[in-house]
Amino acid sequence: MSPAEIVAASREMMGFVLMLSTPFLLAAVIASLAIGIFQAATRMNDLTLSFVPRFFAVLLMLFLVATWAGARMTAYLERAAMATAGIGR
């Protein structure tokens, strides 16, 4: 493999990881923002109040996005396997 191909494969992998992690990070950020506003409005500072809703928001996102993420991962692994098989030839 040439250095350009390695850089292209690395860039594709980084973009893929970013694409897969974005829904989960977005759910955590939105839940954190909502809880932060609630805590500021009520002056209630409890560690579990900030952790538990964020945890459930990420779990809900996992439930909603699992089939999409699985299909994307399968397609990426198939492409990677085909590219790997083509290296030895």
Protein backbone atom coordinates (compact mmCIF):
# COMPACT_ATOMS: atom_id res chain seq x y z
CA MET A 1 0.00 0.00 0.00
CA SER A 2 1.21 3.44 -0.79
CA PRO A 3 1.27 6.18 1.86
CA ALA A 4 -1.57 7.96 0.07
CA GLU A 5 -3.79 4.87 0.34
CA ILE A 6 -2.97 4.52 4.03
CA VAL A 7 -3.85 8.17 4.65
CA ALA A 8 -7.10 7.78 2.68
CA ALA A 9 -8.06 4.65 4.64
CA SER A 10 -7.25 6.38 7.93
CA ARG A 11 -9.30 9.42 6.96
CA GLU A 12 -12.24 7.21 5.99
CA MET A 13 -11.99 5.33 9.30
CA MET A 14 -11.89 8.56 11.34
CA GLY A 15 -14.91 9.95 9.46
CA PHE A 16 -16.76 6.68 10.00
CA VAL A 17 -16.09 6.71 13.75
CA LEU A 18 -17.21 10.34 13.95
CA MET A 19 -20.39 9.55 12.00
CA LEU A 20 -21.23 6.62 14.28
CA SER A 21 -20.53 8.44 17.55
CA THR A 22 -22.34 11.69 16.67
CA PRO A 23 -25.91 10.59 17.62
CA PHE A 24 -24.76 9.35 21.04
CA LEU A 25 -22.70 12.43 21.78
CA LEU A 26 -25.50 14.69 20.62
CA ALA A 27 -27.99 12.92 22.91
CA ALA A 28 -25.60 13.28 25.86
CA VAL A 29 -24.99 16.97 25.14
CA ILE A 30 -28.70 17.79 24.79
CA ALA A 31 -29.55 15.88 27.99
CA SER A 32 -26.70 17.63 29.83
CA LEU A 33 -27.89 21.01 28.63
CA ALA A 34 -31.47 20.34 29.73
CA ILE A 35 -30.35 19.04 33.14
CA GLY A 36 -27.94 21.97 33.54
CA ILE A 37 -30.72 24.46 32.87
CA PHE A 38 -32.99 22.60 35.29
CA GLN A 39 -30.29 22.54 37.99
CA ALA A 40 -29.55 26.23 37.51
CA ALA A 41 -33.22 27.12 37.71
CA THR A 42 -33.86 25.07 40.85
CA ARG A 43 -30.40 25.42 42.44
CA MET A 44 -30.38 21.68 42.91
CA ASN A 45 -26.89 20.16 42.59
CA ASP A 46 -27.06 16.40 42.73
CA LEU A 47 -24.59 14.15 40.93
CA THR A 48 -27.16 11.48 40.11
CA LEU A 49 -29.50 14.11 38.71
CA SER A 50 -26.94 14.90 36.02
CA PHE A 51 -25.79 11.33 35.38
CA VAL A 52 -28.97 9.25 35.21
CA PRO A 53 -30.88 11.25 32.53
CA ARG A 54 -27.76 11.46 30.36
CA PHE A 55 -27.30 7.69 30.71
CA PHE A 56 -30.90 7.03 29.70
CA ALA A 57 -30.70 9.49 26.80
CA VAL A 58 -27.71 7.61 25.40
CA LEU A 59 -29.48 4.26 25.96
CA LEU A 60 -32.56 5.58 24.14
CA MET A 61 -30.38 6.75 21.27
CA LEU A 62 -28.72 3.32 21.18
CA PHE A 63 -32.16 1.74 20.89
CA LEU A 64 -33.20 4.11 18.10
CA VAL A 65 -29.97 4.06 16.08
CA ALA A 66 -28.84 0.45 16.51
CA THR A 67 -30.08 -0.88 13.17
CA TRP A 68 -28.65 2.09 11.25
CA ALA A 69 -25.29 1.79 13.03
CA GLY A 70 -25.20 -1.98 12.51
CA ALA A 71 -25.88 -1.62 8.80
CA ARG A 72 -23.16 1.04 8.48
CA MET A 73 -20.64 -1.08 10.39
CA THR A 74 -21.41 -4.14 8.30
CA ALA A 75 -20.97 -2.21 5.06
CA TYR A 76 -17.70 -0.68 6.30
CA LEU A 77 -16.33 -4.08 7.39
CA GLU A 78 -17.26 -5.60 4.03
CA ARG A 79 -15.45 -2.78 2.20
CA ALA A 80 -12.43 -3.15 4.49
CA ALA A 81 -12.33 -6.92 3.94
CA MET A 82 -12.49 -6.47 0.17
CA ALA A 83 -9.69 -3.90 0.29
CA THR A 84 -7.59 -6.18 2.52
CA ALA A 85 -8.13 -9.11 0.19
CA GLY A 86 -6.94 -7.00 -2.72
CA ILE A 87 -3.62 -6.10 -1.01
CA GLY A 88 -2.06 -9.54 -1.35
CA ARG A 89 -2.70 -9.79 -5.07
